[in-house]
Amino acid sequence: KALAHPARLRILQFLAETQTCITGDISDELPLGRTTVNQHLKELKDNGLIIGQIEGVKTQYCIAPDKLKLLKEVLVGFLEKIEKADNFCVKNA
């Protein structure tokens, strides 16, 4: 569910592209409202995909590397099972 919304995927992509933790308001960097960003950050944090640490009046966000590694392993395993099933629909020409 945490990855089901395009805004959350964009936030994760932004964090990955910056290759560093982001301090401050991510909504300044993305075409999303502050309230929307905060709701999605909460969802990502609650699901362990990002880490947020309060530093003064700002929060520093970064991708949680352990959760990302686990997610990658699960997704690769899932895709390998689908590939091995070899029951793809074939469109008749």
PDB file of N, CA and C in Angstrom:
ATOM      1  N   LYS A   1       0.825  -1.196   0.000  1.00  0.00           N
ATOM      2  CA  LYS A   1       0.000   0.000   0.000  1.00  0.00           C
ATOM      3  C   LYS A   1       0.870   1.261   0.000  1.00  0.00           C
ATOM      4  N   ALA A   2       1.976   1.228   0.703  1.00  0.00           N
ATOM      5  CA  ALA A   2       2.823   2.420   0.810  1.00  0.00           C
ATOM      6  C   ALA A   2       3.381   2.838  -0.539  1.00  0.00           C
ATOM      7  N   LEU A   3       3.528   1.892  -1.453  1.00  0.00           N
ATOM      8  CA  LEU A   3       4.077   2.208  -2.770  1.00  0.00           C
ATOM      9  C   LEU A   3       2.993   2.372  -3.829  1.00  0.00           C
ATOM     10  N   ALA A   4       1.736   2.349  -3.408  1.00  0.00           N
ATOM     11  CA  ALA A   4       0.627   2.379  -4.357  1.00  0.00           C
ATOM     12  C   ALA A   4       0.284   3.773  -4.865  1.00  0.00           C
ATOM     13  N   HIS A   5       0.831   4.795  -4.268  1.00  0.00           N
ATOM     14  CA  HIS A   5       0.480   6.160  -4.668  1.00  0.00           C
ATOM     15  C   HIS A   5       1.639   6.813  -5.419  1.00  0.00           C
ATOM     16  N   PRO A   6       1.350   7.442  -6.562  1.00  0.00           N
ATOM     17  CA  PRO A   6       2.418   8.077  -7.349  1.00  0.00           C
ATOM     18  C   PRO A   6       3.202   9.146  -6.583  1.00  0.00           C
ATOM     19  N   ALA A   7       2.543   9.856  -5.681  1.00  0.00           N
ATOM     20  CA  ALA A   7       3.249  10.894  -4.910  1.00  0.00           C
ATOM     21  C   ALA A   7       4.300  10.272  -4.000  1.00  0.00           C
ATOM     22  N   ARG A   8       3.980   9.136  -3.394  1.00  0.00           N
ATOM     23  CA  ARG A   8       4.954   8.477  -2.515  1.00  0.00           C
ATOM     24  C   ARG A   8       6.124   7.937  -3.328  1.00  0.00           C
ATOM     25  N   LEU A   9       5.823   7.412  -4.506  1.00  0.00           N
ATOM     26  CA  LEU A   9       6.905   6.947  -5.378  1.00  0.00           C
ATOM     27  C   LEU A   9       7.794   8.116  -5.792  1.00  0.00           C
ATOM     28  N   ARG A  10       7.193   9.263  -6.069  1.00  0.00           N
ATOM     29  CA  ARG A  10       7.976  10.448  -6.461  1.00  0.00           C
ATOM     30  C   ARG A  10       8.846  10.939  -5.312  1.00  0.00           C
ATOM     31  N   ILE A  11       8.308  10.892  -4.091  1.00  0.00           N
ATOM     32  CA  ILE A  11       9.096  11.296  -2.919  1.00  0.00           C
ATOM     33  C   ILE A  11      10.286  10.360  -2.751  1.00  0.00           C
ATOM     34  N   LEU A  12      10.055   9.057  -2.867  1.00  0.00           N
ATOM     35  CA  LEU A  12      11.157   8.093  -2.766  1.00  0.00           C
ATOM     36  C   LEU A  12      12.178   8.315  -3.878  1.00  0.00           C
ATOM     37  N   GLN A  13      11.694   8.574  -5.089  1.00  0.00           N
ATOM     38  CA  GLN A  13      12.597   8.831  -6.207  1.00  0.00           C
ATOM     39  C   GLN A  13      13.436  10.077  -5.934  1.00  0.00           C
ATOM     40  N   PHE A  14      12.808  11.107  -5.416  1.00  0.00           N
ATOM     41  CA  PHE A  14      13.521  12.344  -5.105  1.00  0.00           C
ATOM     42  C   PHE A  14      14.605  12.089  -4.065  1.00  0.00           C
ATOM     43  N   LEU A  15      14.264  11.359  -3.015  1.00  0.00           N
ATOM     44  CA  LEU A  15      15.248  11.056  -1.976  1.00  0.00           C
ATOM     45  C   LEU A  15      16.397  10.224  -2.541  1.00  0.00           C
ATOM     46  N   ALA A  16      16.076   9.282  -3.428  1.00  0.00           N
ATOM     47  CA  ALA A  16      17.122   8.448  -4.031  1.00  0.00           C
ATOM     48  C   ALA A  16      18.024   9.264  -4.956  1.00  0.00           C
ATOM     49  N   GLU A  17      17.436  10.172  -5.709  1.00  0.00           N
ATOM     50  CA  GLU A  17      18.212  10.976  -6.659  1.00  0.00           C
ATOM     51  C   GLU A  17      19.145  11.958  -5.969  1.00  0.00           C
ATOM     52  N   THR A  18      18.762  12.435  -4.805  1.00  0.00           N
ATOM     53  CA  THR A  18      19.601  13.406  -4.115  1.00  0.00           C
ATOM     54  C   THR A  18      20.798  12.743  -3.463  1.00  0.00           C
ATOM     55  N   GLN A  19      20.725  11.431  -3.252  1.00  0.00           N
ATOM     56  CA  GLN A  19      21.792  10.628  -2.650  1.00  0.00           C
ATOM     57  C   GLN A  19      22.247  11.180  -1.305  1.00  0.00           C
ATOM     58  N   THR A  20      21.336  11.805  -0.619  1.00  0.00           N
ATOM     59  CA  THR A  20      21.627  12.322   0.710  1.00  0.00           C
ATOM     60  C   THR A  20      20.313  12.518   1.437  1.00  0.00           C
ATOM     61  N   CYS A  21      20.389  12.664   2.723  1.00  0.00           N
ATOM     62  CA  CYS A  21      19.191  12.967   3.485  1.00  0.00           C
ATOM     63  C   CYS A  21      18.780  14.408   3.219  1.00  0.00           C
ATOM     64  N   ILE A  22      17.509  14.651   3.240  1.00  0.00           N
ATOM     65  CA  ILE A  22      16.979  15.972   2.947  1.00  0.00           C
ATOM     66  C   ILE A  22      16.489  16.609   4.237  1.00  0.00           C
ATOM     67  N   THR A  23      16.970  17.791   4.520  1.00  0.00           N
ATOM     68  CA  THR A  23      16.498  18.533   5.673  1.00  0.00           C
ATOM     69  C   THR A  23      15.611  19.653   5.166  1.00  0.00           C
ATOM     70  N   GLY A  24      14.481  19.816   5.815  1.00  0.00           N
ATOM     71  CA  GLY A  24      13.589  20.900   5.422  1.00  0.00           C
ATOM     72  C   GLY A  24      12.344  20.393   4.739  1.00  0.00           C
ATOM     73  N   ASP A  25      11.692  21.265   4.086  1.00  0.00           N
ATOM     74  CA  ASP A  25      10.394  20.972   3.502  1.00  0.00           C
ATOM     75  C   ASP A  25      10.534  20.442   2.079  1.00  0.00           C
ATOM     76  N   ILE A  26      10.266  19.164   1.900  1.00  0.00           N
ATOM     77  CA  ILE A  26      10.390  18.518   0.598  1.00  0.00           C
ATOM     78  C   ILE A  26       9.404  19.122  -0.395  1.00  0.00           C
ATOM     79  N   SER A  27       8.332  19.684   0.111  1.00  0.00           N
ATOM     80  CA  SER A  27       7.342  20.277  -0.795  1.00  0.00           C
ATOM     81  C   SER A  27       7.911  21.460  -1.570  1.00  0.00           C
ATOM     82  N   ASP A  28       9.010  22.045  -1.090  1.00  0.00           N
ATOM     83  CA  ASP A  28       9.669  23.110  -1.854  1.00  0.00           C
ATOM     84  C   ASP A  28      10.327  22.560  -3.115  1.00  0.00           C
ATOM     85  N   GLU A  29      10.646  21.270  -3.103  1.00  0.00           N
ATOM     86  CA  GLU A  29      11.364  20.650  -4.217  1.00  0.00           C
ATOM     87  C   GLU A  29      10.456  19.888  -5.171  1.00  0.00           C
ATOM     88  N   LEU A  30       9.259  19.523  -4.722  1.00  0.00           N
ATOM     89  CA  LEU A  30       8.340  18.728  -5.537  1.00  0.00           C
ATOM     90  C   LEU A  30       7.064  19.520  -5.808  1.00  0.00           C
ATOM     91  N   PRO A  31       6.386  19.236  -6.920  1.00  0.00           N
ATOM     92  CA  PRO A  31       5.145  19.950  -7.230  1.00  0.00           C
ATOM     93  C   PRO A  31       3.953  19.399  -6.443  1.00  0.00           C
ATOM     94  N   LEU A  32       4.115  19.349  -5.131  1.00  0.00           N
ATOM     95  CA  LEU A  32       3.070  18.847  -4.240  1.00  0.00           C
ATOM     96  C   LEU A  32       2.917  19.824  -3.087  1.00  0.00           C
ATOM     97  N   GLY A  33       1.696  19.944  -2.582  1.00  0.00           N
ATOM     98  CA  GLY A  33       1.460  20.826  -1.449  1.00  0.00           C
ATOM     99  C   GLY A  33       2.088  20.282  -0.178  1.00  0.00           C
ATOM    100  N   ARG A  34       2.339  21.179   0.759  1.00  0.00           N
ATOM    101  CA  ARG A  34       2.992  20.801   2.015  1.00  0.00           C
ATOM    102  C   ARG A  34       2.190  19.752   2.782  1.00  0.00           C
ATOM    103  N   THR A  35       0.876  19.942   2.877  1.00  0.00           N
ATOM    104  CA  THR A  35       0.035  18.977   3.595  1.00  0.00           C
ATOM    105  C   THR A  35       0.085  17.613   2.923  1.00  0.00           C
ATOM    106  N   THR A  36       0.029  17.600   1.599  1.00  0.00           N
ATOM    107  CA  THR A  36       0.092  16.343   0.844  1.00  0.00           C
ATOM    108  C   THR A  36       1.417  15.638   1.088  1.00  0.00           C
ATOM    109  N   VAL A  37       2.500  16.378   1.004  1.00  0.00           N
ATOM    110  CA  VAL A  37       3.827  15.797   1.240  1.00  0.00           C
ATOM    111  C   VAL A  37       3.912  15.228   2.647  1.00  0.00           C
ATOM    112  N   ASN A  38       3.440  15.975   3.631  1.00  0.00           N
ATOM    113  CA  ASN A  38       3.504  15.509   5.019  1.00  0.00           C
ATOM    114  C   ASN A  38       2.707  14.225   5.223  1.00  0.00           C
ATOM    115  N   GLN A  39       1.538  14.125   4.592  1.00  0.00           N
ATOM    116  CA  GLN A  39       0.732  12.899   4.709  1.00  0.00           C
ATOM    117  C   GLN A  39       1.475  11.710   4.104  1.00  0.00           C
ATOM    118  N   HIS A  40       2.086  11.923   2.952  1.00  0.00           N
ATOM    119  CA  HIS A  40       2.801  10.831   2.290  1.00  0.00           C
ATOM    120  C   HIS A  40       4.092  10.472   3.025  1.00  0.00           C
ATOM    121  N   LEU A  41       4.777  11.462   3.573  1.00  0.00           N
ATOM    122  CA  LEU A  41       5.967  11.178   4.377  1.00  0.00           C
ATOM    123  C   LEU A  41       5.599  10.331   5.593  1.00  0.00           C
ATOM    124  N   LYS A  42       4.469  10.650   6.216  1.00  0.00           N
ATOM    125  CA  LYS A  42       4.014   9.873   7.377  1.00  0.00           C
ATOM    126  C   LYS A  42       3.753   8.424   6.977  1.00  0.00           C
ATOM    127  N   GLU A  43       3.083   8.218   5.853  1.00  0.00           N
ATOM    128  CA  GLU A  43       2.793   6.863   5.375  1.00  0.00           C
ATOM    129  C   GLU A  43       4.088   6.096   5.086  1.00  0.00           C
ATOM    130  N   LEU A  44       5.032   6.746   4.426  1.00  0.00           N
ATOM    131  CA  LEU A  44       6.311   6.101   4.121  1.00  0.00           C
ATOM    132  C   LEU A  44       7.087   5.784   5.396  1.00  0.00           C
ATOM    133  N   LYS A  45       7.052   6.705   6.340  1.00  0.00           N
ATOM    134  CA  LYS A  45       7.764   6.495   7.607  1.00  0.00           C
ATOM    135  C   LYS A  45       7.094   5.391   8.426  1.00  0.00           C
ATOM    136  N   ASP A  46       5.758   5.410   8.491  1.00  0.00           N
ATOM    137  CA  ASP A  46       5.023   4.386   9.244  1.00  0.00           C
ATOM    138  C   ASP A  46       5.276   2.990   8.693  1.00  0.00           C
ATOM    139  N   ASN A  47       5.556   2.898   7.398  1.00  0.00           N
ATOM    140  CA  ASN A  47       5.838   1.607   6.767  1.00  0.00           C
ATOM    141  C   ASN A  47       7.322   1.281   6.728  1.00  0.00           C
ATOM    142  N   GLY A  48       8.135   2.133   7.340  1.00  0.00           N
ATOM    143  CA  GLY A  48       9.559   1.857   7.470  1.00  0.00           C
ATOM    144  C   GLY A  48      10.385   2.090   6.223  1.00  0.00           C
ATOM    145  N   LEU A  49       9.804   2.716   5.198  1.00  0.00           N
ATOM    146  CA  LEU A  49      10.544   2.934   3.957  1.00  0.00           C
ATOM    147  C   LEU A  49      11.481   4.129   4.032  1.00  0.00           C
ATOM    148  N   ILE A  50      11.169   5.071   4.908  1.00  0.00           N
ATOM    149  CA  ILE A  50      12.059   6.208   5.123  1.00  0.00           C
ATOM    150  C   ILE A  50      12.274   6.386   6.619  1.00  0.00           C
ATOM    151  N   ILE A  51      13.317   7.103   6.933  1.00  0.00           N
ATOM    152  CA  ILE A  51      13.643   7.435   8.317  1.00  0.00           C
ATOM    153  C   ILE A  51      13.565   8.949   8.430  1.00  0.00           C
ATOM    154  N   GLY A  52      12.909   9.423   9.460  1.00  0.00           N
ATOM    155  CA  GLY A  52      12.820  10.860   9.691  1.00  0.00           C
ATOM    156  C   GLY A  52      13.313  11.181  11.087  1.00  0.00           C
ATOM    157  N   GLN A  53      14.301  12.041  11.172  1.00  0.00           N
ATOM    158  CA  GLN A  53      14.847  12.440  12.468  1.00  0.00           C
ATOM    159  C   GLN A  53      14.705  13.944  12.618  1.00  0.00           C
ATOM    160  N   ILE A  54      14.165  14.355  13.753  1.00  0.00           N
ATOM    161  CA  ILE A  54      13.973  15.773  14.011  1.00  0.00           C
ATOM    162  C   ILE A  54      15.301  16.407  14.384  1.00  0.00           C
ATOM    163  N   GLU A  55      15.606  17.497  13.699  1.00  0.00           N
ATOM    164  CA  GLU A  55      16.813  18.273  13.984  1.00  0.00           C
ATOM    165  C   GLU A  55      16.386  19.730  14.109  1.00  0.00           C
ATOM    166  N   GLY A  56      16.248  20.182  15.329  1.00  0.00           N
ATOM    167  CA  GLY A  56      15.763  21.542  15.557  1.00  0.00           C
ATOM    168  C   GLY A  56      14.307  21.641  15.165  1.00  0.00           C
ATOM    169  N   VAL A  57      14.000  22.561  14.258  1.00  0.00           N
ATOM    170  CA  VAL A  57      12.618  22.735  13.817  1.00  0.00           C
ATOM    171  C   VAL A  57      12.342  22.001  12.509  1.00  0.00           C
ATOM    172  N   LYS A  58      13.328  21.319  11.977  1.00  0.00           N
ATOM    173  CA  LYS A  58      13.174  20.606  10.707  1.00  0.00           C
ATOM    174  C   LYS A  58      13.341  19.109  10.926  1.00  0.00           C
ATOM    175  N   THR A  59      12.887  18.346   9.939  1.00  0.00           N
ATOM    176  CA  THR A  59      13.044  16.898   9.976  1.00  0.00           C
ATOM    177  C   THR A  59      13.924  16.471   8.815  1.00  0.00           C
ATOM    178  N   GLN A  60      14.878  15.629   9.122  1.00  0.00           N
ATOM    179  CA  GLN A  60      15.803  15.101   8.120  1.00  0.00           C
ATOM    180  C   GLN A  60      15.259  13.747   7.669  1.00  0.00           C
ATOM    181  N   TYR A  61      15.020  13.583   6.370  1.00  0.00           N
ATOM    182  CA  TYR A  61      14.467  12.346   5.823  1.00  0.00           C
ATOM    183  C   TYR A  61      15.485  11.658   4.932  1.00  0.00           C
ATOM    184  N   CYS A  62      15.486  10.331   4.986  1.00  0.00           N
ATOM    185  CA  CYS A  62      16.304   9.547   4.066  1.00  0.00           C
ATOM    186  C   CYS A  62      15.660   8.177   3.895  1.00  0.00           C
ATOM    187  N   ILE A  63      16.034   7.497   2.842  1.00  0.00           N
ATOM    188  CA  ILE A  63      15.512   6.160   2.578  1.00  0.00           C
ATOM    189  C   ILE A  63      16.124   5.189   3.575  1.00  0.00           C
ATOM    190  N   ALA A  64      15.311   4.289   4.093  1.00  0.00           N
ATOM    191  CA  ALA A  64      15.777   3.273   5.039  1.00  0.00           C
ATOM    192  C   ALA A  64      16.446   2.148   4.245  1.00  0.00           C
ATOM    193  N   PRO A  65      17.771   2.026   4.309  1.00  0.00           N
ATOM    194  CA  PRO A  65      18.479   1.062   3.454  1.00  0.00           C
ATOM    195  C   PRO A  65      18.099  -0.398   3.706  1.00  0.00           C
ATOM    196  N   ASP A  66      17.868  -0.776   4.954  1.00  0.00           N
ATOM    197  CA  ASP A  66      17.515  -2.171   5.249  1.00  0.00           C
ATOM    198  C   ASP A  66      16.163  -2.536   4.644  1.00  0.00           C
ATOM    199  N   LYS A  67      15.204  -1.629   4.763  1.00  0.00           N
ATOM    200  CA  LYS A  67      13.866  -1.879   4.218  1.00  0.00           C
ATOM    201  C   LYS A  67      13.910  -1.911   2.692  1.00  0.00           C
ATOM    202  N   LEU A  68      14.721  -1.046   2.098  1.00  0.00           N
ATOM    203  CA  LEU A  68      14.860  -1.018   0.645  1.00  0.00           C
ATOM    204  C   LEU A  68      15.456  -2.333   0.141  1.00  0.00           C
ATOM    205  N   LYS A  69      16.454  -2.842   0.843  1.00  0.00           N
ATOM    206  CA  LYS A  69      17.075  -4.113   0.457  1.00  0.00           C
ATOM    207  C   LYS A  69      16.062  -5.253   0.543  1.00  0.00           C
ATOM    208  N   LEU A  70      15.280  -5.287   1.614  1.00  0.00           N
ATOM    209  CA  LEU A  70      14.258  -6.321   1.776  1.00  0.00           C
ATOM    210  C   LEU A  70      13.201  -6.213   0.681  1.00  0.00           C
ATOM    211  N   LEU A  71      12.756  -5.007   0.400  1.00  0.00           N
ATOM    212  CA  LEU A  71      11.759  -4.783  -0.643  1.00  0.00           C
ATOM    213  C   LEU A  71      12.272  -5.264  -1.995  1.00  0.00           C
ATOM    214  N   LYS A  72      13.523  -4.980  -2.289  1.00  0.00           N
ATOM    215  CA  LYS A  72      14.128  -5.413  -3.549  1.00  0.00           C
ATOM    216  C   LYS A  72      14.165  -6.934  -3.636  1.00  0.00           C
ATOM    217  N   GLU A  73      14.553  -7.598  -2.548  1.00  0.00           N
ATOM    218  CA  GLU A  73      14.614  -9.062  -2.531  1.00  0.00           C
ATOM    219  C   GLU A  73      13.232  -9.673  -2.752  1.00  0.00           C
ATOM    220  N   VAL A  74      12.226  -9.114  -2.095  1.00  0.00           N
ATOM    221  CA  VAL A  74      10.859  -9.623  -2.236  1.00  0.00           C
ATOM    222  C   VAL A  74      10.365  -9.427  -3.667  1.00  0.00           C
ATOM    223  N   LEU A  75      10.601  -8.253  -4.216  1.00  0.00           N
ATOM    224  CA  LEU A  75      10.141  -7.958  -5.571  1.00  0.00           C
ATOM    225  C   LEU A  75      10.841  -8.834  -6.603  1.00  0.00           C
ATOM    226  N   VAL A  76      12.144  -9.006  -6.478  1.00  0.00           N
ATOM    227  CA  VAL A  76      12.885  -9.860  -7.412  1.00  0.00           C
ATOM    228  C   VAL A  76      12.383 -11.301  -7.303  1.00  0.00           C
ATOM    229  N   GLY A  77      12.178 -11.785  -6.086  1.00  0.00           N
ATOM    230  CA  GLY A  77      11.657 -13.136  -5.895  1.00  0.00           C
ATOM    231  C   GLY A  77      10.286 -13.314  -6.525  1.00  0.00           C
ATOM    232  N   PHE A  78       9.436 -12.329  -6.355  1.00  0.00           N
ATOM    233  CA  PHE A  78       8.097 -12.357  -6.936  1.00  0.00           C
ATOM    234  C   PHE A  78       8.171 -12.407  -8.463  1.00  0.00           C
ATOM    235  N   LEU A  79       8.995 -11.552  -9.047  1.00  0.00           N
ATOM    236  CA  LEU A  79       9.122 -11.515 -10.505  1.00  0.00           C
ATOM    237  C   LEU A  79       9.727 -12.807 -11.052  1.00  0.00           C
ATOM    238  N   GLU A  80      10.660 -13.405 -10.322  1.00  0.00           N
ATOM    239  CA  GLU A  80      11.241 -14.678 -10.755  1.00  0.00           C
ATOM    240  C   GLU A  80      10.193 -15.784 -10.742  1.00  0.00           C
ATOM    241  N   LYS A  81       9.313 -15.794  -9.745  1.00  0.00           N
ATOM    242  CA  LYS A  81       8.244 -16.799  -9.693  1.00  0.00           C
ATOM    243  C   LYS A  81       7.296 -16.642 -10.871  1.00  0.00           C
ATOM    244  N   ILE A  82       6.972 -15.418 -11.204  1.00  0.00           N
ATOM    245  CA  ILE A  82       6.090 -15.179 -12.346  1.00  0.00           C
ATOM    246  C   ILE A  82       6.752 -15.671 -13.629  1.00  0.00           C
ATOM    247  N   GLU A  83       8.017 -15.358 -13.780  1.00  0.00           N
ATOM    248  CA  GLU A  83       8.749 -15.758 -14.981  1.00  0.00           C
ATOM    249  C   GLU A  83       8.817 -17.279 -15.102  1.00  0.00           C
ATOM    250  N   LYS A  84       9.025 -17.977 -13.990  1.00  0.00           N
ATOM    251  CA  LYS A  84       9.120 -19.442 -14.002  1.00  0.00           C
ATOM    252  C   LYS A  84       7.772 -20.091 -14.277  1.00  0.00           C
ATOM    253  N   ALA A  85       6.679 -19.406 -13.943  1.00  0.00           N
ATOM    254  CA  ALA A  85       5.350 -19.973 -14.145  1.00  0.00           C
ATOM    255  C   ALA A  85       5.071 -20.206 -15.627  1.00  0.00           C
ATOM    256  N   ASP A  86       5.661 -19.394 -16.473  1.00  0.00           N
ATOM    257  CA  ASP A  86       5.560 -19.550 -17.926  1.00  0.00           C
ATOM    258  C   ASP A  86       4.119 -19.726 -18.392  1.00  0.00           C
ATOM    259  N   ASN A  87       3.225 -18.959 -17.825  1.00  0.00           N
ATOM    260  CA  ASN A  87       1.830 -19.034 -18.256  1.00  0.00           C
ATOM    261  C   ASN A  87       1.324 -17.657 -18.691  1.00  0.00           C
ATOM    262  N   PHE A  88       2.168 -16.972 -19.438  1.00  0.00           N
ATOM    263  CA  PHE A  88       1.810 -15.649 -19.921  1.00  0.00           C
ATOM    264  C   PHE A  88       0.744 -15.759 -21.003  1.00  0.00           C
ATOM    265  N   CYS A  89      -0.100 -14.782 -21.064  1.00  0.00           N
ATOM    266  CA  CYS A  89      -1.081 -14.711 -22.141  1.00  0.00           C
ATOM    267  C   CYS A  89      -0.354 -14.329 -23.422  1.00  0.00           C
ATOM    268  N   VAL A  90      -0.707 -14.991 -24.481  1.00  0.00           N
ATOM    269  CA  VAL A  90      -0.094 -14.689 -25.770  1.00  0.00           C
ATOM    270  C   VAL A  90      -1.189 -14.162 -26.680  1.00  0.00           C
ATOM    271  N   LYS A  91      -0.956 -12.977 -27.207  1.00  0.00           N
ATOM    272  CA  LYS A  91      -1.933 -12.377 -28.105  1.00  0.00           C
ATOM    273  C   LYS A  91      -1.810 -13.037 -29.470  1.00  0.00           C
ATOM    274  N   ASN A  92      -2.939 -13.503 -29.981  1.00  0.00           N
ATOM    275  CA  ASN A  92      -2.939 -14.121 -31.313  1.00  0.00           C
ATOM    276  C   ASN A  92      -2.733 -13.053 -32.372  1.00  0.00           C
ATOM    277  N   ALA A  93      -1.857 -13.347 -33.302  1.00  0.00           N
ATOM    278  CA  ALA A  93      -1.558 -12.375 -34.365  1.00  0.00           C
ATOM    279  C   ALA A  93      -2.529 -12.505 -35.505  1.00  0.00           C
TER     280      ALA A  93
END
